[in-house]
């Protein structure tokens, strides 16, 4: 895989929000870049498609568990490892 999960997560979030990827860091909190529940659901769907995994969490659970960009990337990375 040439693109890291974190890089792809940043790319997808940049596309959804219009924020320059240079301004999206691993520690960036979703609330600070105005990611709302619908946006988060779309980001999760895009990551599922990109990495061929199923992220099994409803939006409420996602909001509780995914606070930063790194949290999202870590969740996807764990699912990829589990699939292998």
PDB file of N, CA and C in Angstrom:
ATOM      1  N   UNK A   1       0.854  -1.173   0.000  1.00  0.00           N
ATOM      2  CA  UNK A   1       0.000   0.000   0.000  1.00  0.00           C
ATOM      3  C   UNK A   1       0.902   1.238   0.000  1.00  0.00           C
ATOM      4  N   UNK A   2       0.793   2.037  -1.021  1.00  0.00           N
ATOM      5  CA  UNK A   2       1.695   3.174  -1.143  1.00  0.00           C
ATOM      6  C   UNK A   2       1.242   4.373  -0.304  1.00  0.00           C
ATOM      7  N   UNK A   3      -0.046   4.553  -0.145  1.00  0.00           N
ATOM      8  CA  UNK A   3      -0.563   5.651   0.650  1.00  0.00           C
ATOM      9  C   UNK A   3      -0.896   5.126   2.043  1.00  0.00           C
ATOM     10  N   UNK A   4      -0.376   5.808   3.065  1.00  0.00           N
ATOM     11  CA  UNK A   4      -0.663   5.355   4.428  1.00  0.00           C
ATOM     12  C   UNK A   4      -2.122   5.657   4.772  1.00  0.00           C
ATOM     13  N   UNK A   5      -2.610   4.953   5.766  1.00  0.00           N
ATOM     14  CA  UNK A   5      -3.987   5.159   6.217  1.00  0.00           C
ATOM     15  C   UNK A   5      -4.145   6.601   6.696  1.00  0.00           C
ATOM     16  N   UNK A   6      -3.165   7.106   7.418  1.00  0.00           N
ATOM     17  CA  UNK A   6      -3.248   8.480   7.914  1.00  0.00           C
ATOM     18  C   UNK A   6      -3.296   9.463   6.748  1.00  0.00           C
ATOM     19  N   UNK A   7      -2.421   9.267   5.753  1.00  0.00           N
ATOM     20  CA  UNK A   7      -2.402  10.168   4.594  1.00  0.00           C
ATOM     21  C   UNK A   7      -3.739  10.149   3.855  1.00  0.00           C
ATOM     22  N   UNK A   8      -4.302   8.967   3.682  1.00  0.00           N
ATOM     23  CA  UNK A   8      -5.578   8.846   2.969  1.00  0.00           C
ATOM     24  C   UNK A   8      -6.703   9.469   3.790  1.00  0.00           C
ATOM     25  N   UNK A   9      -6.655   9.294   5.100  1.00  0.00           N
ATOM     26  CA  UNK A   9      -7.653   9.905   5.976  1.00  0.00           C
ATOM     27  C   UNK A   9      -7.607  11.421   5.850  1.00  0.00           C
ATOM     28  N   UNK A  10      -6.413  11.971   5.881  1.00  0.00           N
ATOM     29  CA  UNK A  10      -6.238  13.422   5.724  1.00  0.00           C
ATOM     30  C   UNK A  10      -6.763  13.866   4.358  1.00  0.00           C
ATOM     31  N   UNK A  11      -6.445  13.111   3.316  1.00  0.00           N
ATOM     32  CA  UNK A  11      -6.892  13.453   1.967  1.00  0.00           C
ATOM     33  C   UNK A  11      -8.429  13.484   1.887  1.00  0.00           C
ATOM     34  N   UNK A  12      -9.064  12.463   2.424  1.00  0.00           N
ATOM     35  CA  UNK A  12     -10.527  12.390   2.386  1.00  0.00           C
ATOM     36  C   UNK A  12     -11.143  13.537   3.189  1.00  0.00           C
ATOM     37  N   UNK A  13     -10.605  13.803   4.356  1.00  0.00           N
ATOM     38  CA  UNK A  13     -11.138  14.898   5.179  1.00  0.00           C
ATOM     39  C   UNK A  13     -10.923  16.235   4.496  1.00  0.00           C
ATOM     40  N   UNK A  14      -9.799  16.407   3.850  1.00  0.00           N
ATOM     41  CA  UNK A  14      -9.532  17.636   3.103  1.00  0.00           C
ATOM     42  C   UNK A  14     -10.564  17.833   1.994  1.00  0.00           C
ATOM     43  N   UNK A  15     -10.865  16.749   1.271  1.00  0.00           N
ATOM     44  CA  UNK A  15     -11.859  16.826   0.196  1.00  0.00           C
ATOM     45  C   UNK A  15     -13.241  17.187   0.741  1.00  0.00           C
ATOM     46  N   UNK A  16     -13.605  16.634   1.899  1.00  0.00           N
ATOM     47  CA  UNK A  16     -14.932  16.877   2.484  1.00  0.00           C
ATOM     48  C   UNK A  16     -15.071  18.289   3.042  1.00  0.00           C
ATOM     49  N   UNK A  17     -13.973  18.807   3.603  1.00  0.00           N
ATOM     50  CA  UNK A  17     -14.051  20.079   4.317  1.00  0.00           C
ATOM     51  C   UNK A  17     -13.519  21.266   3.520  1.00  0.00           C
ATOM     52  N   UNK A  18     -12.709  20.990   2.497  1.00  0.00           N
ATOM     53  CA  UNK A  18     -12.088  22.083   1.758  1.00  0.00           C
ATOM     54  C   UNK A  18     -10.868  22.667   2.472  1.00  0.00           C
ATOM     55  N   UNK A  19     -10.442  22.024   3.544  1.00  0.00           N
ATOM     56  CA  UNK A  19      -9.273  22.489   4.293  1.00  0.00           C
ATOM     57  C   UNK A  19      -8.020  21.921   3.640  1.00  0.00           C
ATOM     58  N   UNK A  20      -7.003  22.761   3.499  1.00  0.00           N
ATOM     59  CA  UNK A  20      -5.729  22.333   2.929  1.00  0.00           C
ATOM     60  C   UNK A  20      -5.168  21.184   3.764  1.00  0.00           C
ATOM     61  N   UNK A  21      -4.755  20.084   3.105  1.00  0.00           N
ATOM     62  CA  UNK A  21      -4.221  18.936   3.862  1.00  0.00           C
ATOM     63  C   UNK A  21      -3.037  19.298   4.757  1.00  0.00           C
ATOM     64  N   UNK A  22      -2.297  20.328   4.393  1.00  0.00           N
ATOM     65  CA  UNK A  22      -1.161  20.768   5.223  1.00  0.00           C
ATOM     66  C   UNK A  22      -1.626  21.257   6.595  1.00  0.00           C
ATOM     67  N   UNK A  23      -2.903  21.663   6.680  1.00  0.00           N
ATOM     68  CA  UNK A  23      -3.445  22.181   7.932  1.00  0.00           C
ATOM     69  C   UNK A  23      -4.166  21.114   8.751  1.00  0.00           C
ATOM     70  N   UNK A  24      -4.153  19.865   8.278  1.00  0.00           N
ATOM     71  CA  UNK A  24      -4.795  18.770   8.990  1.00  0.00           C
ATOM     72  C   UNK A  24      -3.700  17.857   9.536  1.00  0.00           C
ATOM     73  N   UNK A  25      -3.536  17.880  10.834  1.00  0.00           N
ATOM     74  CA  UNK A  25      -2.490  17.100  11.514  1.00  0.00           C
ATOM     75  C   UNK A  25      -3.118  15.910  12.233  1.00  0.00           C
ATOM     76  N   UNK A  26      -2.317  14.898  12.568  1.00  0.00           N
ATOM     77  CA  UNK A  26      -2.860  13.736  13.292  1.00  0.00           C
ATOM     78  C   UNK A  26      -3.604  14.116  14.564  1.00  0.00           C
ATOM     79  N   UNK A  27      -3.117  15.128  15.265  1.00  0.00           N
ATOM     80  CA  UNK A  27      -3.738  15.523  16.533  1.00  0.00           C
ATOM     81  C   UNK A  27      -4.922  16.485  16.357  1.00  0.00           C
ATOM     82  N   UNK A  28      -5.213  16.858  15.113  1.00  0.00           N
ATOM     83  CA  UNK A  28      -6.336  17.757  14.855  1.00  0.00           C
ATOM     84  C   UNK A  28      -7.641  17.122  15.336  1.00  0.00           C
ATOM     85  N   UNK A  29      -8.369  17.849  16.156  1.00  0.00           N
ATOM     86  CA  UNK A  29      -9.646  17.350  16.654  1.00  0.00           C
ATOM     87  C   UNK A  29     -10.724  17.591  15.603  1.00  0.00           C
ATOM     88  N   UNK A  30     -11.584  16.592  15.421  1.00  0.00           N
ATOM     89  CA  UNK A  30     -12.649  16.696  14.417  1.00  0.00           C
ATOM     90  C   UNK A  30     -13.526  17.909  14.679  1.00  0.00           C
ATOM     91  N   UNK A  31     -13.810  18.177  15.941  1.00  0.00           N
ATOM     92  CA  UNK A  31     -14.668  19.320  16.275  1.00  0.00           C
ATOM     93  C   UNK A  31     -14.028  20.648  15.883  1.00  0.00           C
ATOM     94  N   UNK A  32     -12.709  20.707  15.860  1.00  0.00           N
ATOM     95  CA  UNK A  32     -12.029  21.969  15.534  1.00  0.00           C
ATOM     96  C   UNK A  32     -12.082  22.288  14.040  1.00  0.00           C
ATOM     97  N   UNK A  33     -12.373  21.267  13.218  1.00  0.00           N
ATOM     98  CA  UNK A  33     -12.484  21.521  11.771  1.00  0.00           C
ATOM     99  C   UNK A  33     -13.927  21.329  11.304  1.00  0.00           C
ATOM    100  N   UNK A  34     -14.822  21.436  12.266  1.00  0.00           N
ATOM    101  CA  UNK A  34     -16.258  21.434  11.996  1.00  0.00           C
ATOM    102  C   UNK A  34     -16.752  20.196  11.260  1.00  0.00           C
ATOM    103  N   UNK A  35     -16.223  19.024  11.647  1.00  0.00           N
ATOM    104  CA  UNK A  35     -16.729  17.748  11.136  1.00  0.00           C
ATOM    105  C   UNK A  35     -17.992  17.421  11.918  1.00  0.00           C
ATOM    106  N   UNK A  36     -19.102  17.308  11.232  1.00  0.00           N
ATOM    107  CA  UNK A  36     -20.363  16.966  11.885  1.00  0.00           C
ATOM    108  C   UNK A  36     -20.675  15.496  11.646  1.00  0.00           C
ATOM    109  N   UNK A  37     -21.732  14.997  12.253  1.00  0.00           N
ATOM    110  CA  UNK A  37     -22.019  13.561  12.192  1.00  0.00           C
ATOM    111  C   UNK A  37     -22.207  13.058  10.767  1.00  0.00           C
ATOM    112  N   UNK A  38     -22.875  13.810   9.905  1.00  0.00           N
ATOM    113  CA  UNK A  38     -23.054  13.381   8.517  1.00  0.00           C
ATOM    114  C   UNK A  38     -21.704  13.330   7.802  1.00  0.00           C
ATOM    115  N   UNK A  39     -20.870  14.335   8.042  1.00  0.00           N
ATOM    116  CA  UNK A  39     -19.528  14.350   7.449  1.00  0.00           C
ATOM    117  C   UNK A  39     -18.730  13.132   7.901  1.00  0.00           C
ATOM    118  N   UNK A  40     -18.804  12.830   9.201  1.00  0.00           N
ATOM    119  CA  UNK A  40     -18.062  11.692   9.737  1.00  0.00           C
ATOM    120  C   UNK A  40     -18.541  10.387   9.105  1.00  0.00           C
ATOM    121  N   UNK A  41     -19.841  10.253   8.931  1.00  0.00           N
ATOM    122  CA  UNK A  41     -20.381   9.052   8.292  1.00  0.00           C
ATOM    123  C   UNK A  41     -19.852   8.922   6.866  1.00  0.00           C
ATOM    124  N   UNK A  42     -19.819  10.019   6.119  1.00  0.00           N
ATOM    125  CA  UNK A  42     -19.300   9.986   4.749  1.00  0.00           C
ATOM    126  C   UNK A  42     -17.808   9.648   4.728  1.00  0.00           C
ATOM    127  N   UNK A  43     -17.069  10.189   5.659  1.00  0.00           N
ATOM    128  CA  UNK A  43     -15.632   9.901   5.754  1.00  0.00           C
ATOM    129  C   UNK A  43     -15.427   8.415   6.042  1.00  0.00           C
ATOM    130  N   UNK A  44     -16.211   7.880   6.965  1.00  0.00           N
ATOM    131  CA  UNK A  44     -16.113   6.457   7.298  1.00  0.00           C
ATOM    132  C   UNK A  44     -16.433   5.601   6.068  1.00  0.00           C
ATOM    133  N   UNK A  45     -17.493   5.957   5.334  1.00  0.00           N
ATOM    134  CA  UNK A  45     -17.841   5.200   4.119  1.00  0.00           C
ATOM    135  C   UNK A  45     -16.705   5.250   3.103  1.00  0.00           C
ATOM    136  N   UNK A  46     -16.116   6.420   2.921  1.00  0.00           N
ATOM    137  CA  UNK A  46     -15.006   6.556   1.967  1.00  0.00           C
ATOM    138  C   UNK A  46     -13.812   5.710   2.388  1.00  0.00           C
ATOM    139  N   UNK A  47     -13.508   5.680   3.673  1.00  0.00           N
ATOM    140  CA  UNK A  47     -12.390   4.872   4.165  1.00  0.00           C
ATOM    141  C   UNK A  47     -12.683   3.383   4.012  1.00  0.00           C
ATOM    142  N   UNK A  48     -13.930   2.994   4.251  1.00  0.00           N
ATOM    143  CA  UNK A  48     -14.306   1.591   4.050  1.00  0.00           C
ATOM    144  C   UNK A  48     -14.081   1.185   2.599  1.00  0.00           C
ATOM    145  N   UNK A  49     -14.496   2.036   1.682  1.00  0.00           N
ATOM    146  CA  UNK A  49     -14.310   1.753   0.252  1.00  0.00           C
ATOM    147  C   UNK A  49     -12.836   1.705  -0.120  1.00  0.00           C
ATOM    148  N   UNK A  50     -12.084   2.662   0.372  1.00  0.00           N
ATOM    149  CA  UNK A  50     -10.663   2.766   0.031  1.00  0.00           C
ATOM    150  C   UNK A  50      -9.859   1.559   0.508  1.00  0.00           C
ATOM    151  N   UNK A  51     -10.128   1.096   1.725  1.00  0.00           N
ATOM    152  CA  UNK A  51      -9.317   0.044   2.325  1.00  0.00           C
ATOM    153  C   UNK A  51     -10.029  -1.299   2.423  1.00  0.00           C
ATOM    154  N   UNK A  52     -11.213  -1.380   1.838  1.00  0.00           N
ATOM    155  CA  UNK A  52     -11.978  -2.622   1.792  1.00  0.00           C
ATOM    156  C   UNK A  52     -12.136  -3.246   3.181  1.00  0.00           C
ATOM    157  N   UNK A  53     -12.598  -2.418   4.122  1.00  0.00           N
ATOM    158  CA  UNK A  53     -12.890  -2.869   5.478  1.00  0.00           C
ATOM    159  C   UNK A  53     -14.290  -2.398   5.848  1.00  0.00           C
ATOM    160  N   UNK A  54     -14.820  -2.969   6.919  1.00  0.00           N
ATOM    161  CA  UNK A  54     -16.109  -2.507   7.428  1.00  0.00           C
ATOM    162  C   UNK A  54     -15.902  -1.933   8.816  1.00  0.00           C
ATOM    163  N   UNK A  55     -16.199  -0.676   8.950  1.00  0.00           N
ATOM    164  CA  UNK A  55     -16.062   0.003  10.232  1.00  0.00           C
ATOM    165  C   UNK A  55     -17.405  -0.123  10.926  1.00  0.00           C
ATOM    166  N   UNK A  56     -17.449  -0.993  11.905  1.00  0.00           N
ATOM    167  CA  UNK A  56     -18.705  -1.350  12.552  1.00  0.00           C
ATOM    168  C   UNK A  56     -18.960  -0.460  13.761  1.00  0.00           C
ATOM    169  N   UNK A  57     -19.478   0.733  13.492  1.00  0.00           N
ATOM    170  CA  UNK A  57     -19.864   1.603  14.595  1.00  0.00           C
ATOM    171  C   UNK A  57     -20.914   2.583  14.098  1.00  0.00           C
ATOM    172  N   UNK A  58     -21.898   2.792  14.935  1.00  0.00           N
ATOM    173  CA  UNK A  58     -22.894   3.782  14.551  1.00  0.00           C
ATOM    174  C   UNK A  58     -22.332   5.172  14.819  1.00  0.00           C
ATOM    175  N   UNK A  59     -23.024   6.188  14.388  1.00  0.00           N
ATOM    176  CA  UNK A  59     -22.499   7.542  14.506  1.00  0.00           C
ATOM    177  C   UNK A  59     -22.277   7.955  15.953  1.00  0.00           C
ATOM    178  N   UNK A  60     -23.158   7.557  16.855  1.00  0.00           N
ATOM    179  CA  UNK A  60     -22.991   7.917  18.261  1.00  0.00           C
ATOM    180  C   UNK A  60     -21.711   7.318  18.818  1.00  0.00           C
ATOM    181  N   UNK A  61     -21.468   6.054  18.507  1.00  0.00           N
ATOM    182  CA  UNK A  61     -20.242   5.398  18.973  1.00  0.00           C
ATOM    183  C   UNK A  61     -19.025   6.060  18.336  1.00  0.00           C
ATOM    184  N   UNK A  62     -19.137   6.372  17.061  1.00  0.00           N
ATOM    185  CA  UNK A  62     -18.024   7.017  16.370  1.00  0.00           C
ATOM    186  C   UNK A  62     -17.666   8.336  17.051  1.00  0.00           C
ATOM    187  N   UNK A  63     -18.656   9.123  17.393  1.00  0.00           N
ATOM    188  CA  UNK A  63     -18.393  10.410  18.045  1.00  0.00           C
ATOM    189  C   UNK A  63     -17.707  10.214  19.388  1.00  0.00           C
ATOM    190  N   UNK A  64     -18.053   9.147  20.094  1.00  0.00           N
ATOM    191  CA  UNK A  64     -17.428   8.897  21.387  1.00  0.00           C
ATOM    192  C   UNK A  64     -15.979   8.434  21.232  1.00  0.00           C
ATOM    193  N   UNK A  65     -15.702   7.645  20.192  1.00  0.00           N
ATOM    194  CA  UNK A  65     -14.388   7.016  20.038  1.00  0.00           C
ATOM    195  C   UNK A  65     -13.434   7.773  19.128  1.00  0.00           C
ATOM    196  N   UNK A  66     -13.944   8.536  18.198  1.00  0.00           N
ATOM    197  CA  UNK A  66     -13.096   9.194  17.209  1.00  0.00           C
ATOM    198  C   UNK A  66     -13.082  10.696  17.455  1.00  0.00           C
ATOM    199  N   UNK A  67     -12.060  11.150  18.130  1.00  0.00           N
ATOM    200  CA  UNK A  67     -11.952  12.576  18.458  1.00  0.00           C
ATOM    201  C   UNK A  67     -10.960  13.302  17.552  1.00  0.00           C
ATOM    202  N   UNK A  68      -9.934  12.576  17.088  1.00  0.00           N
ATOM    203  CA  UNK A  68      -8.882  13.214  16.278  1.00  0.00           C
ATOM    204  C   UNK A  68      -8.702  12.470  14.956  1.00  0.00           C
ATOM    205  N   UNK A  69      -7.949  13.072  14.074  1.00  0.00           N
ATOM    206  CA  UNK A  69      -7.620  12.444  12.794  1.00  0.00           C
ATOM    207  C   UNK A  69      -6.878  11.132  13.052  1.00  0.00           C
ATOM    208  N   UNK A  70      -5.971  11.142  14.017  1.00  0.00           N
ATOM    209  CA  UNK A  70      -5.201   9.936  14.346  1.00  0.00           C
ATOM    210  C   UNK A  70      -6.105   8.819  14.853  1.00  0.00           C
ATOM    211  N   UNK A  71      -7.149   9.164  15.618  1.00  0.00           N
ATOM    212  CA  UNK A  71      -8.090   8.153  16.092  1.00  0.00           C
ATOM    213  C   UNK A  71      -8.731   7.411  14.915  1.00  0.00           C
ATOM    214  N   UNK A  72      -9.113   8.154  13.894  1.00  0.00           N
ATOM    215  CA  UNK A  72      -9.729   7.530  12.711  1.00  0.00           C
ATOM    216  C   UNK A  72      -8.721   6.612  12.029  1.00  0.00           C
ATOM    217  N   UNK A  73      -7.519   7.123  11.795  1.00  0.00           N
ATOM    218  CA  UNK A  73      -6.482   6.330  11.125  1.00  0.00           C
ATOM    219  C   UNK A  73      -6.139   5.072  11.928  1.00  0.00           C
ATOM    220  N   UNK A  74      -6.063   5.190  13.245  1.00  0.00           N
ATOM    221  CA  UNK A  74      -5.758   4.033  14.090  1.00  0.00           C
ATOM    222  C   UNK A  74      -6.840   2.979  13.995  1.00  0.00           C
ATOM    223  N   UNK A  75      -8.102   3.400  13.975  1.00  0.00           N
ATOM    224  CA  UNK A  75      -9.221   2.460  13.869  1.00  0.00           C
ATOM    225  C   UNK A  75      -9.173   1.704  12.548  1.00  0.00           C
ATOM    226  N   UNK A  76      -8.916   2.411  11.469  1.00  0.00           N
ATOM    227  CA  UNK A  76      -8.852   1.769  10.151  1.00  0.00           C
ATOM    228  C   UNK A  76      -7.645   0.836  10.075  1.00  0.00           C
ATOM    229  N   UNK A  77      -6.511   1.268  10.589  1.00  0.00           N
ATOM    230  CA  UNK A  77      -5.295   0.446  10.581  1.00  0.00           C
ATOM    231  C   UNK A  77      -5.531  -0.855  11.352  1.00  0.00           C
ATOM    232  N   UNK A  78      -6.200  -0.772  12.488  1.00  0.00           N
ATOM    233  CA  UNK A  78      -6.497  -1.979  13.285  1.00  0.00           C
ATOM    234  C   UNK A  78      -7.403  -2.922  12.515  1.00  0.00           C
ATOM    235  N   UNK A  79      -8.374  -2.373  11.798  1.00  0.00           N
ATOM    236  CA  UNK A  79      -9.268  -3.227  10.999  1.00  0.00           C
ATOM    237  C   UNK A  79      -8.535  -3.900   9.846  1.00  0.00           C
ATOM    238  N   UNK A  80      -7.631  -3.172   9.211  1.00  0.00           N
ATOM    239  CA  UNK A  80      -6.844  -3.750   8.115  1.00  0.00           C
ATOM    240  C   UNK A  80      -5.999  -4.904   8.643  1.00  0.00           C
ATOM    241  N   UNK A  81      -5.368  -4.708   9.794  1.00  0.00           N
ATOM    242  CA  UNK A  81      -4.524  -5.760  10.386  1.00  0.00           C
ATOM    243  C   UNK A  81      -5.369  -6.976  10.753  1.00  0.00           C
ATOM    244  N   UNK A  82      -6.573  -6.736  11.244  1.00  0.00           N
ATOM    245  CA  UNK A  82      -7.473  -7.818  11.648  1.00  0.00           C
ATOM    246  C   UNK A  82      -7.934  -8.633  10.442  1.00  0.00           C
ATOM    247  N   UNK A  83      -8.072  -7.983   9.280  1.00  0.00           N
ATOM    248  CA  UNK A  83      -8.536  -8.641   8.050  1.00  0.00           C
ATOM    249  C   UNK A  83      -7.487  -9.585   7.467  1.00  0.00           C
ATOM    250  N   UNK A  84      -6.221  -9.325   7.784  1.00  0.00           N
ATOM    251  CA  UNK A  84      -5.139 -10.111   7.194  1.00  0.00           C
ATOM    252  C   UNK A  84      -5.070 -11.499   7.770  1.00  0.00           C
TER     253      UNK A  84
END
